[in-house]
Amino acid sequence: MAFEDTFRLSCHAVIVNESNEVLLLKASYGDCSWGLPGGAIDPGETIHETLYRECKEELGCGVSIQYLSGVYYHQYVNSQAFIFRCELLQNSTICLSEEHTEYCFMPLSQLSAVQRNRVDDCLNFDGAVKSEKF
């Protein structure tokens, strides 16, 4: 890889409700797609710092990180995505940033194939961090 090449890293949170539905956010930019909370790692940040910052920015509340469940390469955007199991801090209220227009908790069956794979790996974590290419 050359010094000038672009390579992206991001961190994302899998947060579920009492019905085991997954928290997704609808973007207000690009193709306005639904995705897990999280985003790009800024220079000088650790993956944990990134996830705390992104969740605070996007959700308006903090999270506790339980574990890293997988790292997935996405060829389309030349990016590695770190997936963490997280929980909202007790008594948290979600207050979205301008980056997102709405949120919902969706059942696994309604997620895209890639999202479902990453979330399923996370919720069925066996202690071994998974890695796949999409």
Protein backbone atom coordinates (compact mmCIF):
# COMPACT_ATOMS: atom_id res chain seq x y z
CA MET A 1 0.00 0.00 0.00
CA ALA A 2 1.40 3.39 -0.97
CA PHE A 3 1.55 6.37 1.39
CA GLU A 4 -1.03 8.30 -0.67
CA ASP A 5 -3.55 5.44 -0.82
CA THR A 6 -6.89 5.90 0.91
CA PHE A 7 -7.91 3.25 3.38
CA ARG A 8 -10.74 3.69 5.85
CA LEU A 9 -11.40 2.33 9.33
CA SER A 10 -14.69 2.61 11.19
CA CYS A 11 -16.32 1.42 14.41
CA HIS A 12 -19.98 0.47 14.88
CA ALA A 13 -22.21 -0.48 17.79
CA VAL A 14 -24.69 -3.35 17.92
CA ILE A 15 -27.32 -2.28 20.47
CA VAL A 16 -30.48 -4.32 21.02
CA ASN A 17 -33.70 -3.77 22.93
CA GLU A 18 -35.49 -6.26 25.20
CA SER A 19 -37.01 -7.93 22.10
CA ASN A 20 -33.52 -8.50 20.61
CA GLU A 21 -34.22 -5.96 17.85
CA VAL A 22 -31.21 -3.99 16.57
CA LEU A 23 -30.88 -0.20 16.81
CA LEU A 24 -30.46 1.35 13.35
CA LEU A 25 -30.13 4.98 12.31
CA LYS A 26 -31.34 6.50 9.02
CA ALA A 27 -28.69 8.75 7.47
CA SER A 28 -29.60 12.27 6.34
CA TYR A 29 -26.83 12.18 3.69
CA GLY A 30 -25.79 10.03 0.72
CA ASP A 31 -28.37 7.38 -0.09
CA CYS A 32 -30.18 7.93 3.26
CA SER A 33 -29.64 4.30 4.21
CA TRP A 34 -30.14 2.62 7.57
CA GLY A 35 -27.05 1.59 9.51
CA LEU A 36 -25.56 0.81 12.87
CA PRO A 37 -24.45 3.73 15.07
CA GLY A 38 -20.79 4.57 14.55
CA GLY A 39 -18.41 6.03 12.05
CA ALA A 40 -14.88 6.73 10.92
CA ILE A 41 -11.83 6.67 13.14
CA ASP A 42 -10.21 10.10 13.44
CA PRO A 43 -6.41 10.39 13.40
CA GLY A 44 -4.96 9.65 16.83
CA GLU A 45 -8.05 7.83 18.16
CA THR A 46 -8.26 4.27 19.40
CA ILE A 47 -11.16 2.12 18.23
CA HIS A 48 -12.78 2.46 21.66
CA GLU A 49 -12.45 6.26 21.70
CA THR A 50 -14.00 6.36 18.24
CA LEU A 51 -17.00 4.30 19.26
CA TYR A 52 -17.64 6.36 22.41
CA ARG A 53 -17.36 9.62 20.43
CA GLU A 54 -19.50 8.48 17.51
CA CYS A 55 -22.28 7.12 19.74
CA LYS A 56 -22.31 10.30 21.82
CA GLU A 57 -22.48 12.43 18.64
CA GLU A 58 -25.07 10.34 16.82
CA LEU A 59 -27.27 9.16 19.70
CA GLY A 60 -26.82 12.02 22.15
CA CYS A 61 -26.02 9.51 24.90
CA GLY A 62 -23.22 7.25 25.99
CA VAL A 63 -22.73 3.52 25.64
CA SER A 64 -20.87 0.84 27.48
CA ILE A 65 -18.76 -1.43 25.29
CA GLN A 66 -19.14 -5.14 26.03
CA TYR A 67 -16.79 -6.70 23.47
CA LEU A 68 -15.35 -6.53 19.94
CA SER A 69 -17.06 -9.25 17.91
CA GLY A 70 -15.71 -8.78 14.40
CA VAL A 71 -13.70 -6.83 11.85
CA TYR A 72 -15.13 -6.81 8.34
CA TYR A 73 -13.62 -5.62 5.07
CA HIS A 74 -16.01 -3.82 2.72
CA GLN A 75 -14.50 -3.76 -0.77
CA TYR A 76 -16.94 -1.15 -2.16
CA VAL A 77 -15.60 1.56 0.19
CA ASN A 78 -12.16 0.00 0.86
CA SER A 79 -12.86 -0.04 4.57
CA GLN A 80 -12.44 -2.21 7.64
CA ALA A 81 -15.40 -1.98 10.05
CA PHE A 82 -14.92 -2.92 13.72
CA ILE A 83 -18.19 -4.24 15.21
CA PHE A 84 -18.78 -4.01 18.95
CA ARG A 85 -21.57 -5.24 21.21
CA CYS A 86 -22.71 -2.25 23.26
CA GLU A 87 -25.46 -1.18 25.62
CA LEU A 88 -26.96 2.25 26.12
CA LEU A 89 -26.09 3.72 29.50
CA GLN A 90 -28.86 3.33 32.06
CA ASN A 91 -31.71 5.89 31.76
CA SER A 92 -30.41 7.12 28.39
CA THR A 93 -32.66 8.92 25.94
CA ILE A 94 -31.73 8.89 22.27
CA CYS A 95 -31.43 12.36 20.75
CA LEU A 96 -30.24 12.15 17.13
CA SER A 97 -27.69 14.49 15.57
CA GLU A 98 -28.25 16.21 12.22
CA GLU A 99 -26.52 13.24 10.56
CA HIS A 100 -29.64 11.10 11.02
CA THR A 101 -33.37 11.66 10.51
CA GLU A 102 -34.78 8.79 12.53
CA TYR A 103 -34.00 5.61 14.43
CA CYS A 104 -35.75 2.33 15.01
CA PHE A 105 -35.20 -1.11 16.46
CA MET A 106 -35.45 -3.71 13.67
CA PRO A 107 -35.68 -7.48 13.86
CA LEU A 108 -32.70 -9.33 12.40
CA SER A 109 -34.89 -10.66 9.60
CA GLN A 110 -35.31 -7.14 8.19
CA LEU A 111 -31.60 -6.30 8.01
CA SER A 112 -29.63 -6.47 4.77
CA ALA A 113 -27.62 -9.65 4.28
CA VAL A 114 -24.33 -7.95 5.21
CA GLN A 115 -25.80 -6.23 8.28
CA ARG A 116 -27.53 -9.43 9.38
CA ASN A 117 -24.27 -11.39 9.08
CA ARG A 118 -22.29 -8.86 11.17
CA VAL A 119 -25.04 -8.50 13.79
CA ASP A 120 -25.62 -12.26 14.00
CA ASP A 121 -21.88 -12.79 14.58
CA CYS A 122 -22.02 -10.16 17.32
CA LEU A 123 -25.10 -11.47 19.13
CA ASN A 124 -23.81 -15.06 18.95
CA PHE A 125 -20.28 -14.15 20.01
CA ASP A 126 -18.28 -17.22 21.05
CA GLY A 127 -15.16 -15.42 22.23
CA ALA A 128 -13.43 -15.47 18.82
CA VAL A 129 -13.41 -12.21 16.85
CA LYS A 130 -14.78 -12.88 13.35
CA SER A 131 -13.40 -11.52 10.08
CA GLU A 132 -14.99 -11.55 6.62
CA LYS A 133 -14.91 -9.77 3.29
CA PHE A 134 -17.96 -8.26 1.60
